[in-house]
Amino acid sequence: MVILLHVIIALASIICTSIAYVRPSASMLKAAYSLVGLTVISGTYLVWSAPATMVHACITGLVYIGVVSIGIVAARSKFAHMELTSKNRI
């Protein structure tokens, strides 16, 4: 059951990060951060509870963290640029 929840949270974080990149906002970035944190917490629990069967999944988890982190950095940069541009117009 925990692994299903873990996968759902991870997929939701990828979707949220994609939305944050396309339409950057502070609330979407906070949601993306929260979902990544929940994914890491649930992944850590899964590895801790069954290390023999879950360690191979850590490589996939590291790739996930890398991809989502790049997406969040890009969305944050886009959001900061958008904020700076809107302040300069006033």
C-alpha atoms as a PDB file:
ATOM      1  CA  MET A   1       0.000   0.000   0.000  1.00  0.00           C
ATOM      2  CA  VAL A   2       2.822   2.397   0.855  1.00  0.00           C
ATOM      3  CA  ILE A   3       4.511   1.763  -2.478  1.00  0.00           C
ATOM      4  CA  LEU A   4       1.314   2.690  -4.341  1.00  0.00           C
ATOM      5  CA  LEU A   5       1.051   5.912  -2.337  1.00  0.00           C
ATOM      6  CA  HIS A   6       4.735   6.575  -3.019  1.00  0.00           C
ATOM      7  CA  VAL A   7       4.273   6.174  -6.788  1.00  0.00           C
ATOM      8  CA  ILE A   8       1.156   8.368  -6.805  1.00  0.00           C
ATOM      9  CA  ILE A   9       2.963  11.121  -4.885  1.00  0.00           C
ATOM     10  CA  ALA A  10       5.963  10.901  -7.233  1.00  0.00           C
ATOM     11  CA  LEU A  11       3.765  11.148 -10.325  1.00  0.00           C
ATOM     12  CA  ALA A  12       1.849  14.050  -8.784  1.00  0.00           C
ATOM     13  CA  SER A  13       5.124  15.850  -8.108  1.00  0.00           C
ATOM     14  CA  ILE A  14       6.210  15.417 -11.731  1.00  0.00           C
ATOM     15  CA  ILE A  15       2.863  16.796 -12.917  1.00  0.00           C
ATOM     16  CA  CYS A  16       2.999  19.654 -10.408  1.00  0.00           C
ATOM     17  CA  THR A  17       6.556  20.535 -11.429  1.00  0.00           C
ATOM     18  CA  SER A  18       5.528  20.533 -15.093  1.00  0.00           C
ATOM     19  CA  ILE A  19       2.607  22.840 -14.353  1.00  0.00           C
ATOM     20  CA  ALA A  20       4.887  25.080 -12.278  1.00  0.00           C
ATOM     21  CA  TYR A  21       7.222  25.360 -15.253  1.00  0.00           C
ATOM     22  CA  VAL A  22       4.458  26.168 -17.724  1.00  0.00           C
ATOM     23  CA  ARG A  23       2.575  28.543 -15.400  1.00  0.00           C
ATOM     24  CA  PRO A  24       4.971  29.564 -12.619  1.00  0.00           C
ATOM     25  CA  SER A  25       3.491  30.677  -9.314  1.00  0.00           C
ATOM     26  CA  ALA A  26       4.597  30.660  -5.710  1.00  0.00           C
ATOM     27  CA  SER A  27       1.833  28.240  -4.710  1.00  0.00           C
ATOM     28  CA  MET A  28       2.745  25.729  -7.442  1.00  0.00           C
ATOM     29  CA  LEU A  29       6.404  25.866  -6.439  1.00  0.00           C
ATOM     30  CA  LYS A  30       5.464  25.250  -2.783  1.00  0.00           C
ATOM     31  CA  ALA A  31       3.288  22.324  -3.848  1.00  0.00           C
ATOM     32  CA  ALA A  32       6.144  20.890  -5.928  1.00  0.00           C
ATOM     33  CA  TYR A  33       8.553  21.211  -2.979  1.00  0.00           C
ATOM     34  CA  SER A  34       6.058  19.526  -0.664  1.00  0.00           C
ATOM     35  CA  LEU A  35       5.411  16.637  -3.042  1.00  0.00           C
ATOM     36  CA  VAL A  36       9.137  16.051  -3.566  1.00  0.00           C
ATOM     37  CA  GLY A  37       9.605  16.019   0.209  1.00  0.00           C
ATOM     38  CA  LEU A  38       6.772  13.518   0.634  1.00  0.00           C
ATOM     39  CA  THR A  39       8.262  11.350  -2.105  1.00  0.00           C
ATOM     40  CA  VAL A  40      11.652  11.331  -0.386  1.00  0.00           C
ATOM     41  CA  ILE A  41      10.064  10.544   2.988  1.00  0.00           C
ATOM     42  CA  SER A  42       7.957   7.687   1.631  1.00  0.00           C
ATOM     43  CA  GLY A  43      10.910   6.340  -0.393  1.00  0.00           C
ATOM     44  CA  THR A  44      13.119   6.421   2.683  1.00  0.00           C
ATOM     45  CA  TYR A  45      10.466   4.523   4.614  1.00  0.00           C
ATOM     46  CA  LEU A  46      10.200   1.900   1.870  1.00  0.00           C
ATOM     47  CA  VAL A  47      13.958   1.341   1.769  1.00  0.00           C
ATOM     48  CA  TRP A  48      14.124   1.224   5.561  1.00  0.00           C
ATOM     49  CA  SER A  49      11.260  -1.267   5.846  1.00  0.00           C
ATOM     50  CA  ALA A  50      12.468  -3.671   3.128  1.00  0.00           C
ATOM     51  CA  PRO A  51      16.082  -2.879   2.231  1.00  0.00           C
ATOM     52  CA  ALA A  52      16.781  -6.104   0.337  1.00  0.00           C
ATOM     53  CA  THR A  53      13.970  -5.551  -2.163  1.00  0.00           C
ATOM     54  CA  MET A  54      14.042  -1.772  -2.439  1.00  0.00           C
ATOM     55  CA  VAL A  55      17.692  -0.810  -2.793  1.00  0.00           C
ATOM     56  CA  HIS A  56      17.605  -1.323  -6.579  1.00  0.00           C
ATOM     57  CA  ALA A  57      14.835   1.289  -6.723  1.00  0.00           C
ATOM     58  CA  CYS A  58      17.173   3.903  -5.251  1.00  0.00           C
ATOM     59  CA  ILE A  59      18.777   4.454  -8.658  1.00  0.00           C
ATOM     60  CA  THR A  60      15.365   5.254 -10.111  1.00  0.00           C
ATOM     61  CA  GLY A  61      14.719   7.535  -7.151  1.00  0.00           C
ATOM     62  CA  LEU A  62      17.942   9.425  -7.751  1.00  0.00           C
ATOM     63  CA  VAL A  63      17.038   9.919 -11.409  1.00  0.00           C
ATOM     64  CA  TYR A  64      13.577  11.133 -10.319  1.00  0.00           C
ATOM     65  CA  ILE A  65      15.112  13.603  -7.846  1.00  0.00           C
ATOM     66  CA  GLY A  66      17.480  14.876 -10.541  1.00  0.00           C
ATOM     67  CA  VAL A  67      14.753  15.392 -13.144  1.00  0.00           C
ATOM     68  CA  VAL A  68      12.316  17.029 -10.740  1.00  0.00           C
ATOM     69  CA  SER A  69      15.045  19.224  -9.254  1.00  0.00           C
ATOM     70  CA  ILE A  70      15.999  20.495 -12.710  1.00  0.00           C
ATOM     71  CA  GLY A  71      12.326  21.191 -13.400  1.00  0.00           C
ATOM     72  CA  ILE A  72      11.882  23.061 -10.126  1.00  0.00           C
ATOM     73  CA  VAL A  73      15.018  25.146 -10.696  1.00  0.00           C
ATOM     74  CA  ALA A  74      13.806  26.021 -14.202  1.00  0.00           C
ATOM     75  CA  ALA A  75      10.325  26.900 -12.913  1.00  0.00           C
ATOM     76  CA  ARG A  76      11.781  28.976 -10.072  1.00  0.00           C
ATOM     77  CA  SER A  77      14.032  30.840 -12.508  1.00  0.00           C
ATOM     78  CA  LYS A  78      11.115  31.486 -14.833  1.00  0.00           C
ATOM     79  CA  PHE A  79       8.982  32.678 -11.896  1.00  0.00           C
ATOM     80  CA  ALA A  80      11.731  35.019 -10.654  1.00  0.00           C
ATOM     81  CA  HIS A  81      12.159  36.453 -14.144  1.00  0.00           C
ATOM     82  CA  MET A  82       8.396  36.929 -14.406  1.00  0.00           C
ATOM     83  CA  GLU A  83       8.316  38.709 -11.022  1.00  0.00           C
ATOM     84  CA  LEU A  84      11.220  40.971 -11.993  1.00  0.00           C
ATOM     85  CA  THR A  85       9.609  41.836 -15.302  1.00  0.00           C
ATOM     86  CA  SER A  86       6.280  42.689 -13.674  1.00  0.00           C
ATOM     87  CA  LYS A  87       8.002  44.959 -11.099  1.00  0.00           C
ATOM     88  CA  ASN A  88       9.871  46.813 -13.828  1.00  0.00           C
ATOM     89  CA  ARG A  89       6.632  47.596 -15.666  1.00  0.00           C
ATOM     90  CA  ILE A  90       5.151  49.497 -12.734  1.00  0.00           C
END
